[in-house]
Amino acid sequence: MNKTDLVNNISEKSGLAKKDVETVLNGVLGEITDALAQGDKVQLIGFGTFETRKRSGRSGRNPQTGTPIEIPESTVPAFKAGNKLKEAVN
């Protein structure tokens, strides 16, 4: 499912216009992105938690040449599923 499919499904189930659903979805995703960029955690009870994690620097290899390279430390987004989501999937 992609974003367009998600908007269409929500629109059909809620009776709202696709344009309104897309505006709300973009707002929610924007707020989650802004919170993560500031280092905050977003917790949706029953669904899951969005957070950032530090990935330490490490050594790697260029796959084309085999030359060793250093991969710098980075911060990456992460998602941990909540219990209700886990139960729904199983």
PDB file of N, CA and C in Angstrom:
ATOM      1  N   MET A   1       0.851  -1.176   0.000  1.00  0.00           N
ATOM      2  CA  MET A   1       0.000   0.000   0.000  1.00  0.00           C
ATOM      3  C   MET A   1       0.894   1.236   0.000  1.00  0.00           C
ATOM      4  N   ASN A   2       0.566   2.189  -0.861  1.00  0.00           N
ATOM      5  CA  ASN A   2       1.314   3.434  -0.886  1.00  0.00           C
ATOM      6  C   ASN A   2       0.448   4.559  -0.309  1.00  0.00           C
ATOM      7  N   LYS A   3       0.970   5.760  -0.319  1.00  0.00           N
ATOM      8  CA  LYS A   3       0.269   6.887   0.293  1.00  0.00           C
ATOM      9  C   LYS A   3      -1.081   7.157  -0.383  1.00  0.00           C
ATOM     10  N   THR A   4      -1.137   7.071  -1.694  1.00  0.00           N
ATOM     11  CA  THR A   4      -2.389   7.297  -2.424  1.00  0.00           C
ATOM     12  C   THR A   4      -3.443   6.275  -2.033  1.00  0.00           C
ATOM     13  N   ASP A   5      -3.042   5.006  -1.935  1.00  0.00           N
ATOM     14  CA  ASP A   5      -3.966   3.959  -1.508  1.00  0.00           C
ATOM     15  C   ASP A   5      -4.473   4.220  -0.091  1.00  0.00           C
ATOM     16  N   LEU A   6      -3.580   4.644   0.781  1.00  0.00           N
ATOM     17  CA  LEU A   6      -3.958   4.936   2.164  1.00  0.00           C
ATOM     18  C   LEU A   6      -4.981   6.066   2.223  1.00  0.00           C
ATOM     19  N   VAL A   7      -4.734   7.138   1.475  1.00  0.00           N
ATOM     20  CA  VAL A   7      -5.666   8.267   1.426  1.00  0.00           C
ATOM     21  C   VAL A   7      -7.018   7.808   0.891  1.00  0.00           C
ATOM     22  N   ASN A   8      -7.019   7.017  -0.173  1.00  0.00           N
ATOM     23  CA  ASN A   8      -8.272   6.520  -0.755  1.00  0.00           C
ATOM     24  C   ASN A   8      -9.053   5.660   0.235  1.00  0.00           C
ATOM     25  N   ASN A   9      -8.362   4.757   0.929  1.00  0.00           N
ATOM     26  CA  ASN A   9      -9.024   3.880   1.896  1.00  0.00           C
ATOM     27  C   ASN A   9      -9.617   4.661   3.064  1.00  0.00           C
ATOM     28  N   ILE A  10      -8.855   5.602   3.604  1.00  0.00           N
ATOM     29  CA  ILE A  10      -9.357   6.414   4.721  1.00  0.00           C
ATOM     30  C   ILE A  10     -10.543   7.246   4.264  1.00  0.00           C
ATOM     31  N   SER A  11     -10.464   7.796   3.056  1.00  0.00           N
ATOM     32  CA  SER A  11     -11.554   8.604   2.520  1.00  0.00           C
ATOM     33  C   SER A  11     -12.837   7.787   2.386  1.00  0.00           C
ATOM     34  N   GLU A  12     -12.722   6.575   1.881  1.00  0.00           N
ATOM     35  CA  GLU A  12     -13.889   5.707   1.724  1.00  0.00           C
ATOM     36  C   GLU A  12     -14.503   5.326   3.065  1.00  0.00           C
ATOM     37  N   LYS A  13     -13.660   4.998   4.046  1.00  0.00           N
ATOM     38  CA  LYS A  13     -14.153   4.555   5.349  1.00  0.00           C
ATOM     39  C   LYS A  13     -14.707   5.700   6.189  1.00  0.00           C
ATOM     40  N   SER A  14     -14.155   6.896   6.034  1.00  0.00           N
ATOM     41  CA  SER A  14     -14.582   8.016   6.877  1.00  0.00           C
ATOM     42  C   SER A  14     -15.637   8.901   6.225  1.00  0.00           C
ATOM     43  N   GLY A  15     -15.748   8.841   4.896  1.00  0.00           N
ATOM     44  CA  GLY A  15     -16.688   9.707   4.195  1.00  0.00           C
ATOM     45  C   GLY A  15     -16.145  11.107   3.970  1.00  0.00           C
ATOM     46  N   LEU A  16     -14.888  11.337   4.315  1.00  0.00           N
ATOM     47  CA  LEU A  16     -14.259  12.641   4.098  1.00  0.00           C
ATOM     48  C   LEU A  16     -13.707  12.729   2.682  1.00  0.00           C
ATOM     49  N   ALA A  17     -13.535  13.957   2.221  1.00  0.00           N
ATOM     50  CA  ALA A  17     -12.965  14.180   0.896  1.00  0.00           C
ATOM     51  C   ALA A  17     -11.493  13.755   0.889  1.00  0.00           C
ATOM     52  N   LYS A  18     -11.030  13.238  -0.244  1.00  0.00           N
ATOM     53  CA  LYS A  18      -9.645  12.799  -0.373  1.00  0.00           C
ATOM     54  C   LYS A  18      -8.681  13.940  -0.072  1.00  0.00           C
ATOM     55  N   LYS A  19      -9.027  15.141  -0.508  1.00  0.00           N
ATOM     56  CA  LYS A  19      -8.163  16.312  -0.285  1.00  0.00           C
ATOM     57  C   LYS A  19      -7.997  16.573   1.208  1.00  0.00           C
ATOM     58  N   ASP A  20      -9.102  16.454   1.979  1.00  0.00           N
ATOM     59  CA  ASP A  20      -9.046  16.673   3.422  1.00  0.00           C
ATOM     60  C   ASP A  20      -8.227  15.594   4.114  1.00  0.00           C
ATOM     61  N   VAL A  21      -8.415  14.352   3.700  1.00  0.00           N
ATOM     62  CA  VAL A  21      -7.661  13.242   4.277  1.00  0.00           C
ATOM     63  C   VAL A  21      -6.175  13.422   4.003  1.00  0.00           C
ATOM     64  N   GLU A  22      -5.830  13.814   2.787  1.00  0.00           N
ATOM     65  CA  GLU A  22      -4.425  14.009   2.436  1.00  0.00           C
ATOM     66  C   GLU A  22      -3.806  15.141   3.256  1.00  0.00           C
ATOM     67  N   THR A  23      -4.560  16.211   3.476  1.00  0.00           N
ATOM     68  CA  THR A  23      -4.071  17.325   4.290  1.00  0.00           C
ATOM     69  C   THR A  23      -3.788  16.871   5.721  1.00  0.00           C
ATOM     70  N   VAL A  24      -4.706  16.106   6.288  1.00  0.00           N
ATOM     71  CA  VAL A  24      -4.520  15.611   7.655  1.00  0.00           C
ATOM     72  C   VAL A  24      -3.343  14.641   7.721  1.00  0.00           C
ATOM     73  N   LEU A  25      -3.252  13.726   6.772  1.00  0.00           N
ATOM     74  CA  LEU A  25      -2.156  12.757   6.754  1.00  0.00           C
ATOM     75  C   LEU A  25      -0.806  13.465   6.630  1.00  0.00           C
ATOM     76  N   ASN A  26      -0.719  14.442   5.740  1.00  0.00           N
ATOM     77  CA  ASN A  26       0.525  15.206   5.593  1.00  0.00           C
ATOM     78  C   ASN A  26       0.867  15.941   6.890  1.00  0.00           C
ATOM     79  N   GLY A  27      -0.152  16.457   7.578  1.00  0.00           N
ATOM     80  CA  GLY A  27       0.071  17.134   8.851  1.00  0.00           C
ATOM     81  C   GLY A  27       0.609  16.194   9.910  1.00  0.00           C
ATOM     82  N   VAL A  28       0.030  15.008  10.007  1.00  0.00           N
ATOM     83  CA  VAL A  28       0.480  14.021  10.990  1.00  0.00           C
ATOM     84  C   VAL A  28       1.916  13.603  10.701  1.00  0.00           C
ATOM     85  N   LEU A  29       2.199  13.284   9.461  1.00  0.00           N
ATOM     86  CA  LEU A  29       3.560  12.860   9.095  1.00  0.00           C
ATOM     87  C   LEU A  29       4.566  13.989   9.316  1.00  0.00           C
ATOM     88  N   GLY A  30       4.151  15.210   9.034  1.00  0.00           N
ATOM     89  CA  GLY A  30       5.022  16.367   9.259  1.00  0.00           C
ATOM     90  C   GLY A  30       5.339  16.562  10.729  1.00  0.00           C
ATOM     91  N   GLU A  31       4.341  16.403  11.596  1.00  0.00           N
ATOM     92  CA  GLU A  31       4.555  16.559  13.039  1.00  0.00           C
ATOM     93  C   GLU A  31       5.461  15.454  13.584  1.00  0.00           C
ATOM     94  N   ILE A  32       5.281  14.231  13.113  1.00  0.00           N
ATOM     95  CA  ILE A  32       6.153  13.136  13.540  1.00  0.00           C
ATOM     96  C   ILE A  32       7.585  13.416  13.095  1.00  0.00           C
ATOM     97  N   THR A  33       7.746  13.867  11.859  1.00  0.00           N
ATOM     98  CA  THR A  33       9.076  14.188  11.335  1.00  0.00           C
ATOM     99  C   THR A  33       9.731  15.298  12.137  1.00  0.00           C
ATOM    100  N   ASP A  34       8.980  16.371  12.432  1.00  0.00           N
ATOM    101  CA  ASP A  34       9.523  17.494  13.208  1.00  0.00           C
ATOM    102  C   ASP A  34       9.944  17.054  14.605  1.00  0.00           C
ATOM    103  N   ALA A  35       9.119  16.222  15.249  1.00  0.00           N
ATOM    104  CA  ALA A  35       9.449  15.741  16.591  1.00  0.00           C
ATOM    105  C   ALA A  35      10.724  14.906  16.577  1.00  0.00           C
ATOM    106  N   LEU A  36      10.859  14.022  15.601  1.00  0.00           N
ATOM    107  CA  LEU A  36      12.054  13.192  15.510  1.00  0.00           C
ATOM    108  C   LEU A  36      13.290  14.039  15.220  1.00  0.00           C
ATOM    109  N   ALA A  37      13.135  15.059  14.382  1.00  0.00           N
ATOM    110  CA  ALA A  37      14.256  15.937  14.051  1.00  0.00           C
ATOM    111  C   ALA A  37      14.751  16.689  15.289  1.00  0.00           C
ATOM    112  N   GLN A  38      13.848  16.942  16.238  1.00  0.00           N
ATOM    113  CA  GLN A  38      14.221  17.629  17.475  1.00  0.00           C
ATOM    114  C   GLN A  38      14.704  16.656  18.550  1.00  0.00           C
ATOM    115  N   GLY A  39      14.704  15.362  18.231  1.00  0.00           N
ATOM    116  CA  GLY A  39      15.174  14.364  19.175  1.00  0.00           C
ATOM    117  C   GLY A  39      14.095  13.858  20.112  1.00  0.00           C
ATOM    118  N   ASP A  40      12.837  14.235  19.867  1.00  0.00           N
ATOM    119  CA  ASP A  40      11.732  13.781  20.706  1.00  0.00           C
ATOM    120  C   ASP A  40      11.240  12.418  20.259  1.00  0.00           C
ATOM    121  N   LYS A  41      10.455  11.788  21.130  1.00  0.00           N
ATOM    122  CA  LYS A  41       9.850  10.484  20.854  1.00  0.00           C
ATOM    123  C   LYS A  41       8.355  10.716  20.642  1.00  0.00           C
ATOM    124  N   VAL A  42       7.755  10.010  19.688  1.00  0.00           N
ATOM    125  CA  VAL A  42       6.312  10.094  19.438  1.00  0.00           C
ATOM    126  C   VAL A  42       5.708   8.735  19.767  1.00  0.00           C
ATOM    127  N   GLN A  43       4.848   8.714  20.808  1.00  0.00           N
ATOM    128  CA  GLN A  43       4.268   7.459  21.258  1.00  0.00           C
ATOM    129  C   GLN A  43       2.766   7.472  20.999  1.00  0.00           C
ATOM    130  N   LEU A  44       2.302   6.515  20.207  1.00  0.00           N
ATOM    131  CA  LEU A  44       0.883   6.339  19.925  1.00  0.00           C
ATOM    132  C   LEU A  44       0.461   5.044  20.616  1.00  0.00           C
ATOM    133  N   ILE A  45      -0.216   5.177  21.761  1.00  0.00           N
ATOM    134  CA  ILE A  45      -0.570   4.026  22.582  1.00  0.00           C
ATOM    135  C   ILE A  45      -1.335   2.997  21.746  1.00  0.00           C
ATOM    136  N   GLY A  46      -0.897   1.754  21.811  1.00  0.00           N
ATOM    137  CA  GLY A  46      -1.523   0.665  21.084  1.00  0.00           C
ATOM    138  C   GLY A  46      -0.986   0.478  19.675  1.00  0.00           C
ATOM    139  N   PHE A  47      -0.430   1.539  19.097  1.00  0.00           N
ATOM    140  CA  PHE A  47       0.105   1.439  17.733  1.00  0.00           C
ATOM    141  C   PHE A  47       1.609   1.241  17.758  1.00  0.00           C
ATOM    142  N   GLY A  48       2.323   2.184  18.391  1.00  0.00           N
ATOM    143  CA  GLY A  48       3.770   2.052  18.454  1.00  0.00           C
ATOM    144  C   GLY A  48       4.450   3.354  18.800  1.00  0.00           C
ATOM    145  N   THR A  49       5.770   3.316  18.785  1.00  0.00           N
ATOM    146  CA  THR A  49       6.590   4.460  19.157  1.00  0.00           C
ATOM    147  C   THR A  49       7.595   4.757  18.051  1.00  0.00           C
ATOM    148  N   PHE A  50       7.640   6.015  17.643  1.00  0.00           N
ATOM    149  CA  PHE A  50       8.647   6.499  16.706  1.00  0.00           C
ATOM    150  C   PHE A  50       9.734   7.176  17.540  1.00  0.00           C
ATOM    151  N   GLU A  51      10.994   6.852  17.267  1.00  0.00           N
ATOM    152  CA  GLU A  51      12.094   7.459  17.999  1.00  0.00           C
ATOM    153  C   GLU A  51      13.329   7.492  17.109  1.00  0.00           C
ATOM    154  N   THR A  52      14.375   8.127  17.609  1.00  0.00           N
ATOM    155  CA  THR A  52      15.642   8.132  16.880  1.00  0.00           C
ATOM    156  C   THR A  52      16.654   7.313  17.664  1.00  0.00           C
ATOM    157  N   ARG A  53      17.566   6.723  16.942  1.00  0.00           N
ATOM    158  CA  ARG A  53      18.632   5.931  17.555  1.00  0.00           C
ATOM    159  C   ARG A  53      19.957   6.319  16.933  1.00  0.00           C
ATOM    160  N   LYS A  54      21.011   6.229  17.737  1.00  0.00           N
ATOM    161  CA  LYS A  54      22.363   6.501  17.244  1.00  0.00           C
ATOM    162  C   LYS A  54      22.927   5.236  16.624  1.00  0.00           C
ATOM    163  N   ARG A  55      23.467   5.370  15.445  1.00  0.00           N
ATOM    164  CA  ARG A  55      24.174   4.268  14.794  1.00  0.00           C
ATOM    165  C   ARG A  55      25.659   4.625  14.845  1.00  0.00           C
ATOM    166  N   SER A  56      26.448   3.806  15.492  1.00  0.00           N
ATOM    167  CA  SER A  56      27.862   4.118  15.667  1.00  0.00           C
ATOM    168  C   SER A  56      28.624   4.025  14.350  1.00  0.00           C
ATOM    169  N   GLY A  57      29.740   4.731  14.307  1.00  0.00           N
ATOM    170  CA  GLY A  57      30.597   4.678  13.126  1.00  0.00           C
ATOM    171  C   GLY A  57      31.237   3.304  13.004  1.00  0.00           C
ATOM    172  N   ARG A  58      31.589   2.942  11.805  1.00  0.00           N
ATOM    173  CA  ARG A  58      32.174   1.620  11.578  1.00  0.00           C
ATOM    174  C   ARG A  58      33.007   1.629  10.298  1.00  0.00           C
ATOM    175  N   SER A  59      33.742   0.563  10.109  1.00  0.00           N
ATOM    176  CA  SER A  59      34.521   0.397   8.882  1.00  0.00           C
ATOM    177  C   SER A  59      33.690  -0.386   7.880  1.00  0.00           C
ATOM    178  N   GLY A  60      33.840  -0.042   6.629  1.00  0.00           N
ATOM    179  CA  GLY A  60      33.140  -0.751   5.573  1.00  0.00           C
ATOM    180  C   GLY A  60      34.029  -0.877   4.349  1.00  0.00           C
ATOM    181  N   ARG A  61      33.464  -1.390   3.275  1.00  0.00           N
ATOM    182  CA  ARG A  61      34.219  -1.529   2.029  1.00  0.00           C
ATOM    183  C   ARG A  61      33.374  -1.001   0.880  1.00  0.00           C
ATOM    184  N   ASN A  62      34.030  -0.330  -0.045  1.00  0.00           N
ATOM    185  CA  ASN A  62      33.382   0.103  -1.267  1.00  0.00           C
ATOM    186  C   ASN A  62      33.123  -1.156  -2.087  1.00  0.00           C
ATOM    187  N   PRO A  63      31.860  -1.467  -2.410  1.00  0.00           N
ATOM    188  CA  PRO A  63      31.575  -2.709  -3.119  1.00  0.00           C
ATOM    189  C   PRO A  63      32.160  -2.778  -4.530  1.00  0.00           C
ATOM    190  N   GLN A  64      32.393  -1.631  -5.149  1.00  0.00           N
ATOM    191  CA  GLN A  64      32.939  -1.637  -6.509  1.00  0.00           C
ATOM    192  C   GLN A  64      34.440  -1.859  -6.534  1.00  0.00           C
ATOM    193  N   THR A  65      35.143  -1.237  -5.584  1.00  0.00           N
ATOM    194  CA  THR A  65      36.608  -1.305  -5.621  1.00  0.00           C
ATOM    195  C   THR A  65      37.204  -2.158  -4.511  1.00  0.00           C
ATOM    196  N   GLY A  66      36.417  -2.412  -3.453  1.00  0.00           N
ATOM    197  CA  GLY A  66      36.941  -3.181  -2.325  1.00  0.00           C
ATOM    198  C   GLY A  66      37.773  -2.339  -1.376  1.00  0.00           C
ATOM    199  N   THR A  67      37.872  -1.030  -1.638  1.00  0.00           N
ATOM    200  CA  THR A  67      38.651  -0.132  -0.801  1.00  0.00           C
ATOM    201  C   THR A  67      37.963   0.067   0.545  1.00  0.00           C
ATOM    202  N   PRO A  68      38.717  -0.041   1.642  1.00  0.00           N
ATOM    203  CA  PRO A  68      38.121   0.195   2.953  1.00  0.00           C
ATOM    204  C   PRO A  68      37.714   1.673   3.102  1.00  0.00           C
ATOM    205  N   ILE A  69      36.549   1.895   3.717  1.00  0.00           N
ATOM    206  CA  ILE A  69      36.084   3.264   3.981  1.00  0.00           C
ATOM    207  C   ILE A  69      35.560   3.339   5.407  1.00  0.00           C
ATOM    208  N   GLU A  70      35.559   4.528   5.964  1.00  0.00           N
ATOM    209  CA  GLU A  70      35.003   4.747   7.293  1.00  0.00           C
ATOM    210  C   GLU A  70      33.594   5.301   7.140  1.00  0.00           C
ATOM    211  N   ILE A  71      32.632   4.655   7.786  1.00  0.00           N
ATOM    212  CA  ILE A  71      31.246   5.106   7.759  1.00  0.00           C
ATOM    213  C   ILE A  71      31.012   5.881   9.054  1.00  0.00           C
ATOM    214  N   PRO A  72      30.632   7.161   8.958  1.00  0.00           N
ATOM    215  CA  PRO A  72      30.513   7.983  10.158  1.00  0.00           C
ATOM    216  C   PRO A  72      29.289   7.616  11.004  1.00  0.00           C
ATOM    217  N   GLU A  73      29.297   8.036  12.256  1.00  0.00           N
ATOM    218  CA  GLU A  73      28.162   7.859  13.154  1.00  0.00           C
ATOM    219  C   GLU A  73      26.968   8.628  12.597  1.00  0.00           C
ATOM    220  N   SER A  74      25.769   8.101  12.792  1.00  0.00           N
ATOM    221  CA  SER A  74      24.580   8.789  12.296  1.00  0.00           C
ATOM    222  C   SER A  74      23.401   8.553  13.238  1.00  0.00           C
ATOM    223  N   THR A  75      22.390   9.386  13.087  1.00  0.00           N
ATOM    224  CA  THR A  75      21.142   9.232  13.822  1.00  0.00           C
ATOM    225  C   THR A  75      20.094   8.771  12.823  1.00  0.00           C
ATOM    226  N   VAL A  76      19.383   7.690  13.169  1.00  0.00           N
ATOM    227  CA  VAL A  76      18.406   7.113  12.253  1.00  0.00           C
ATOM    228  C   VAL A  76      17.042   7.000  12.932  1.00  0.00           C
ATOM    229  N   PRO A  77      15.952   7.144  12.160  1.00  0.00           N
ATOM    230  CA  PRO A  77      14.626   6.954  12.742  1.00  0.00           C
ATOM    231  C   PRO A  77      14.362   5.471  12.976  1.00  0.00           C
ATOM    232  N   ALA A  78      13.567   5.190  14.021  1.00  0.00           N
ATOM    233  CA  ALA A  78      13.227   3.802  14.328  1.00  0.00           C
ATOM    234  C   ALA A  78      11.771   3.739  14.769  1.00  0.00           C
ATOM    235  N   PHE A  79      11.150   2.582  14.578  1.00  0.00           N
ATOM    236  CA  PHE A  79       9.766   2.370  14.991  1.00  0.00           C
ATOM    237  C   PHE A  79       9.683   1.081  15.789  1.00  0.00           C
ATOM    238  N   LYS A  80       9.025   1.150  16.941  1.00  0.00           N
ATOM    239  CA  LYS A  80       8.794  -0.040  17.757  1.00  0.00           C
ATOM    240  C   LYS A  80       7.293  -0.249  17.837  1.00  0.00           C
ATOM    241  N   ALA A  81       6.812  -1.385  17.359  1.00  0.00           N
ATOM    242  CA  ALA A  81       5.380  -1.668  17.317  1.00  0.00           C
ATOM    243  C   ALA A  81       4.819  -1.865  18.723  1.00  0.00           C
ATOM    244  N   GLY A  82       3.590  -1.377  18.930  1.00  0.00           N
ATOM    245  CA  GLY A  82       2.879  -1.553  20.190  1.00  0.00           C
ATOM    246  C   GLY A  82       2.201  -2.915  20.245  1.00  0.00           C
ATOM    247  N   ASN A  83       1.693  -3.270  21.408  1.00  0.00           N
ATOM    248  CA  ASN A  83       1.090  -4.594  21.612  1.00  0.00           C
ATOM    249  C   ASN A  83      -0.134  -4.824  20.730  1.00  0.00           C
ATOM    250  N   LYS A  84      -1.009  -3.830  20.610  1.00  0.00           N
ATOM    251  CA  LYS A  84      -2.215  -4.021  19.795  1.00  0.00           C
ATOM    252  C   LYS A  84      -1.862  -4.240  18.330  1.00  0.00           C
ATOM    253  N   LEU A  85      -0.863  -3.540  17.828  1.00  0.00           N
ATOM    254  CA  LEU A  85      -0.421  -3.719  16.445  1.00  0.00           C
ATOM    255  C   LEU A  85       0.178  -5.111  16.255  1.00  0.00           C
ATOM    256  N   LYS A  86       0.995  -5.526  17.215  1.00  0.00           N
ATOM    257  CA  LYS A  86       1.596  -6.865  17.143  1.00  0.00           C
ATOM    258  C   LYS A  86       0.524  -7.941  17.134  1.00  0.00           C
ATOM    259  N   GLU A  87      -0.491  -7.786  17.986  1.00  0.00           N
ATOM    260  CA  GLU A  87      -1.571  -8.774  18.048  1.00  0.00           C
ATOM    261  C   GLU A  87      -2.378  -8.800  16.746  1.00  0.00           C
ATOM    262  N   ALA A  88      -2.612  -7.632  16.155  1.00  0.00           N
ATOM    263  CA  ALA A  88      -3.386  -7.557  14.908  1.00  0.00           C
ATOM    264  C   ALA A  88      -2.639  -8.233  13.762  1.00  0.00           C
ATOM    265  N   VAL A  89      -1.331  -8.125  13.743  1.00  0.00           N
ATOM    266  CA  VAL A  89      -0.530  -8.720  12.675  1.00  0.00           C
ATOM    267  C   VAL A  89      -0.430 -10.230  12.846  1.00  0.00           C
ATOM    268  N   ASN A  90      -0.361 -10.675  14.079  1.00  0.00           N
ATOM    269  CA  ASN A  90      -0.278 -12.125  14.329  1.00  0.00           C
ATOM    270  C   ASN A  90      -1.651 -12.699  14.266  1.00  0.00           C
TER     271      ASN A  90
END
